[in-house]
């Protein structure tokens, strides 16, 4: 695949704050390989730059570091008023306890964001957790080149079985690679025999949990799998 014709679109987990270090590792890798990046949350690009500067300015007060994400998002919204509607809807839906409303909102916004990328480039969605659930539910409508999901949420740790999380995967026509932790509390090694998956869905396991706390060797494996798909697909 010609990487100049490729966009990697990030679709994050519900709690983006938990993935700040993970995102930094992946974005740094993609930037070094000259891969064009887009975000489900448009402010993420600014956040990445803020984190880069933060490493060079150790004098920044702890308050800024603790609240960096919200500060960056609100700053972005000041200069992009349409973003504020997305921002407040996302947080209201995500923390209001209305899970169905959250699912509908995020799925709708993901579709809009991907469609706005146009059809002149191949789009690979790099998803985390719920991002993989939502984008895979509409992927066949969007003609995506590939989905790569790190940690798919097959089940909720505090809920009974929810078939809506995984039933659509048995008919998925879009190629999807799921890199899953053997000890993932949202579906570990037992997932390989528990769920019916389309032939387009490949499930691979690494020694980690849902938060992807992995060593450098495992990170190299994950990054090389991403690179293989981008350049060889």
Protein backbone atom coordinates (compact mmCIF):
# COMPACT_ATOMS: atom_id res chain seq x y z
CA UNK A 1 0.00 0.00 0.00
CA UNK A 2 1.17 3.53 -0.81
CA UNK A 3 1.22 5.24 2.59
CA UNK A 4 0.71 8.65 0.96
CA UNK A 5 -2.76 7.44 -0.03
CA UNK A 6 -3.60 6.35 3.51
CA UNK A 7 -5.28 8.07 6.45
CA UNK A 8 -5.21 6.52 9.90
CA UNK A 9 -8.29 7.61 11.81
CA UNK A 10 -8.27 7.29 15.61
CA UNK A 11 -11.46 6.14 17.34
CA UNK A 12 -10.77 6.15 21.08
CA UNK A 13 -12.13 4.45 24.16
CA UNK A 14 -14.80 6.08 26.33
CA UNK A 15 -12.25 7.26 28.86
CA UNK A 16 -9.64 8.88 26.60
CA UNK A 17 -7.63 10.11 29.59
CA UNK A 18 -6.49 6.55 30.36
CA UNK A 19 -4.89 6.28 26.92
CA UNK A 20 -2.76 9.39 26.83
CA UNK A 21 0.55 7.52 27.03
CA UNK A 22 -0.65 4.84 24.60
CA UNK A 23 -1.73 7.48 22.09
CA UNK A 24 1.62 9.23 22.36
CA UNK A 25 3.47 6.02 21.51
CA UNK A 26 1.30 5.23 18.50
CA UNK A 27 1.16 8.78 17.14
CA UNK A 28 4.92 9.16 17.43
CA UNK A 29 5.32 5.93 15.48
CA UNK A 30 2.89 7.01 12.74
CA UNK A 31 4.45 10.47 12.43
CA UNK A 32 7.90 8.91 12.07
CA UNK A 33 6.51 6.80 9.23
CA UNK A 34 4.88 9.81 7.52
CA UNK A 35 1.33 8.53 7.98
CA UNK A 36 -1.49 11.07 7.81
CA UNK A 37 -3.57 11.08 11.00
CA UNK A 38 -7.10 12.17 11.79
CA UNK A 39 -8.97 12.03 15.08
CA UNK A 40 -12.48 11.24 16.26
CA UNK A 41 -11.92 14.16 18.63
CA UNK A 42 -10.39 16.97 16.50
CA UNK A 43 -8.71 18.49 19.56
CA UNK A 44 -6.49 15.43 19.96
CA UNK A 45 -3.97 16.79 17.47
CA UNK A 46 -3.52 19.88 19.63
CA UNK A 47 -3.30 17.70 22.74
CA UNK A 48 -0.51 15.66 21.19
CA UNK A 49 1.48 18.84 20.51
CA UNK A 50 0.79 20.05 24.06
CA UNK A 51 2.16 16.80 25.50
CA UNK A 52 5.26 17.17 23.34
CA UNK A 53 5.86 20.68 24.68
CA UNK A 54 5.12 19.55 28.21
CA UNK A 55 8.10 17.21 28.13
CA UNK A 56 10.35 20.17 27.37
CA UNK A 57 8.88 22.52 29.98
CA UNK A 58 9.07 20.82 33.36
CA UNK A 59 8.06 24.01 35.13
CA UNK A 60 4.41 23.69 34.07
CA UNK A 61 2.22 23.61 37.21
CA UNK A 62 0.62 20.28 38.26
CA UNK A 63 -2.85 21.78 37.69
CA UNK A 64 -2.15 22.08 33.96
CA UNK A 65 -0.84 18.54 33.76
CA UNK A 66 -3.82 17.06 35.62
CA UNK A 67 -6.35 18.91 33.48
CA UNK A 68 -4.45 19.12 30.22
CA UNK A 69 -7.10 17.33 28.18
CA UNK A 70 -10.06 19.48 29.21
CA UNK A 71 -7.98 22.68 28.93
CA UNK A 72 -6.86 21.77 25.40
CA UNK A 73 -10.40 20.81 24.36
CA UNK A 74 -11.91 24.05 25.65
CA UNK A 75 -9.10 26.08 24.07
CA UNK A 76 -9.73 24.35 20.76
CA UNK A 77 -13.44 25.05 21.15
CA UNK A 78 -12.85 28.78 21.63
CA UNK A 79 -11.40 28.94 18.12
CA UNK A 80 -13.74 26.32 16.65
CA UNK A 81 -17.24 27.02 17.94
CA UNK A 82 -18.84 24.04 16.23
CA UNK A 83 -16.56 21.80 18.29
CA UNK A 84 -18.12 22.94 21.57
CA UNK A 85 -21.40 21.23 20.64
CA UNK A 86 -19.51 17.97 20.10
CA UNK A 87 -17.54 18.43 23.32
CA UNK A 88 -20.50 19.07 25.62
CA UNK A 89 -22.66 16.39 23.99
CA UNK A 90 -19.90 13.82 24.29
CA UNK A 91 -19.29 14.46 27.98
CA UNK A 92 -22.96 14.82 28.84
CA UNK A 93 -23.86 11.57 27.11
CA UNK A 94 -20.82 9.72 28.39
CA UNK A 95 -21.31 10.60 32.04
CA UNK A 96 -25.09 10.86 32.26
CA UNK A 97 -25.55 7.11 32.58
CA UNK A 98 -27.66 6.99 29.41
CA UNK A 99 -25.65 4.32 27.60
CA UNK A 100 -27.98 4.04 24.60
CA UNK A 101 -27.74 7.78 24.01
CA UNK A 102 -23.95 7.58 24.20
CA UNK A 103 -23.84 4.77 21.64
CA UNK A 104 -26.15 6.57 19.22
CA UNK A 105 -24.27 9.85 19.53
CA UNK A 106 -20.79 8.42 19.09
CA UNK A 107 -21.78 6.16 16.22
CA UNK A 108 -23.43 9.06 14.38
CA UNK A 109 -20.42 11.34 14.91
CA UNK A 110 -17.97 8.62 13.85
CA UNK A 111 -19.87 8.10 10.61
CA UNK A 112 -19.93 11.83 9.91
CA UNK A 113 -16.22 12.21 10.65
CA UNK A 114 -15.20 9.34 8.39
CA UNK A 115 -17.49 10.44 5.56
CA UNK A 116 -16.01 13.93 5.78
CA UNK A 117 -12.60 12.45 4.94
CA UNK A 118 -13.85 11.79 1.41
CA UNK A 119 -12.99 8.84 -0.79
CA UNK A 120 -9.69 9.91 -2.34
CA UNK A 121 -7.61 8.01 0.22
CA UNK A 122 -7.68 4.61 1.89
CA UNK A 123 -8.98 4.91 5.44
CA UNK A 124 -7.71 2.65 8.21
CA UNK A 125 -9.41 3.09 11.57
CA UNK A 126 -7.20 2.52 14.58
CA UNK A 127 -9.62 1.94 17.43
CA UNK A 128 -9.43 1.44 21.15
CA UNK A 129 -12.05 -0.44 23.13
CA UNK A 130 -15.51 1.12 22.57
CA UNK A 131 -14.17 2.92 19.50
CA UNK A 132 -13.75 -0.52 17.91
CA UNK A 133 -17.27 -1.52 18.88
CA UNK A 134 -18.89 1.55 17.39
CA UNK A 135 -16.87 1.81 14.19
CA UNK A 136 -17.22 -1.90 13.42
CA UNK A 137 -21.02 -1.59 13.68
CA UNK A 138 -21.06 0.83 10.71
CA UNK A 139 -17.82 -0.06 8.92
CA UNK A 140 -19.44 -1.81 5.96
CA UNK A 141 -21.40 1.36 5.20
CA UNK A 142 -18.20 3.42 5.10
CA UNK A 143 -16.04 1.27 2.81
CA UNK A 144 -13.09 1.31 5.17
CA UNK A 145 -9.86 -0.33 4.11
CA UNK A 146 -9.24 -1.88 7.52
CA UNK A 147 -9.99 -1.65 11.23
CA UNK A 148 -7.28 -2.27 13.80
CA UNK A 149 -8.69 -2.53 17.30
CA UNK A 150 -6.56 -2.65 20.44
CA UNK A 151 -8.67 -4.27 23.14
CA UNK A 152 -12.21 -5.02 21.95
CA UNK A 153 -14.96 -4.73 24.63
CA UNK A 154 -16.73 -8.06 24.11
CA UNK A 155 -18.37 -7.76 27.53
CA UNK A 156 -18.78 -5.20 30.29
CA UNK A 157 -17.28 -6.13 33.62
CA UNK A 158 -20.36 -5.04 35.56
CA UNK A 159 -23.13 -5.99 33.13
CA UNK A 160 -24.76 -9.24 31.95
CA UNK A 161 -24.02 -10.48 28.46
CA UNK A 162 -24.88 -7.86 25.80
CA UNK A 163 -25.08 -9.43 22.31
CA UNK A 164 -25.21 -5.96 20.73
CA UNK A 165 -21.51 -5.67 21.53
CA UNK A 166 -20.43 -8.54 19.29
CA UNK A 167 -23.21 -10.06 17.14
CA UNK A 168 -22.46 -7.77 14.19
CA UNK A 169 -18.89 -9.13 14.05
CA UNK A 170 -20.10 -12.45 12.65
CA UNK A 171 -21.25 -10.72 9.44
CA UNK A 172 -18.60 -8.01 9.14
CA UNK A 173 -17.23 -7.62 5.61
CA UNK A 174 -14.59 -5.01 6.47
CA UNK A 175 -11.19 -6.52 7.36
CA UNK A 176 -10.59 -6.15 11.09
CA UNK A 177 -7.62 -7.07 13.24
CA UNK A 178 -8.30 -7.26 16.97
CA UNK A 179 -5.22 -7.33 19.19
CA UNK A 180 -6.58 -8.50 22.52
CA UNK A 181 -5.02 -8.90 25.94
CA UNK A 182 -5.00 -12.45 27.26
CA UNK A 183 -6.05 -10.99 30.61
CA UNK A 184 -8.43 -8.33 29.28
CA UNK A 185 -11.31 -7.96 31.73
CA UNK A 186 -13.56 -7.06 28.78
CA UNK A 187 -12.82 -10.39 27.11
CA UNK A 188 -9.57 -12.30 27.53
CA UNK A 189 -8.12 -15.48 26.04
CA UNK A 190 -11.50 -17.21 26.38
CA UNK A 191 -12.87 -14.91 23.66
CA UNK A 192 -11.29 -16.99 20.88
CA UNK A 193 -13.81 -19.79 21.49
CA UNK A 194 -16.71 -17.79 22.84
CA UNK A 195 -17.71 -15.46 19.99
CA UNK A 196 -18.63 -16.13 16.36
CA UNK A 197 -16.51 -13.92 14.15
CA UNK A 198 -16.55 -13.26 10.42
CA UNK A 199 -13.67 -14.64 8.36
CA UNK A 200 -12.68 -10.98 7.91
CA UNK A 201 -12.06 -10.61 11.65
CA UNK A 202 -8.66 -11.76 12.92
CA UNK A 203 -8.17 -12.11 16.67
CA UNK A 204 -4.63 -12.07 18.07
CA UNK A 205 -3.57 -12.17 21.71
CA UNK A 206 -0.77 -10.56 23.66
CA UNK A 207 0.15 -10.77 27.33
CA UNK A 208 -1.65 -7.75 28.75
CA UNK A 209 -4.88 -6.35 30.19
CA UNK A 210 -7.42 -3.90 28.77
CA UNK A 211 -5.22 -0.89 29.50
CA UNK A 212 -2.39 -2.29 27.36
CA UNK A 213 0.29 -2.11 30.03
CA UNK A 214 2.98 -3.76 27.92
CA UNK A 215 6.76 -3.84 27.73
CA UNK A 216 8.91 -2.49 24.91
CA UNK A 217 9.15 -5.83 23.10
CA UNK A 218 5.39 -6.25 23.01
CA UNK A 219 4.98 -2.63 21.89
CA UNK A 220 7.37 -3.31 19.03
CA UNK A 221 5.22 -6.28 18.02
CA UNK A 222 2.02 -4.21 18.12
CA UNK A 223 3.54 -1.32 16.18
CA UNK A 224 4.98 -3.66 13.56
CA UNK A 225 1.56 -5.31 13.09
CA UNK A 226 0.09 -1.83 12.51
CA UNK A 227 2.88 -1.03 10.09
CA UNK A 228 2.39 -4.31 8.22
CA UNK A 229 -1.27 -3.50 7.62
CA UNK A 230 -0.61 0.08 6.53
CA UNK A 231 2.17 -0.77 4.09
CA UNK A 232 1.30 -4.28 2.93
CA UNK A 233 -2.50 -4.37 2.89
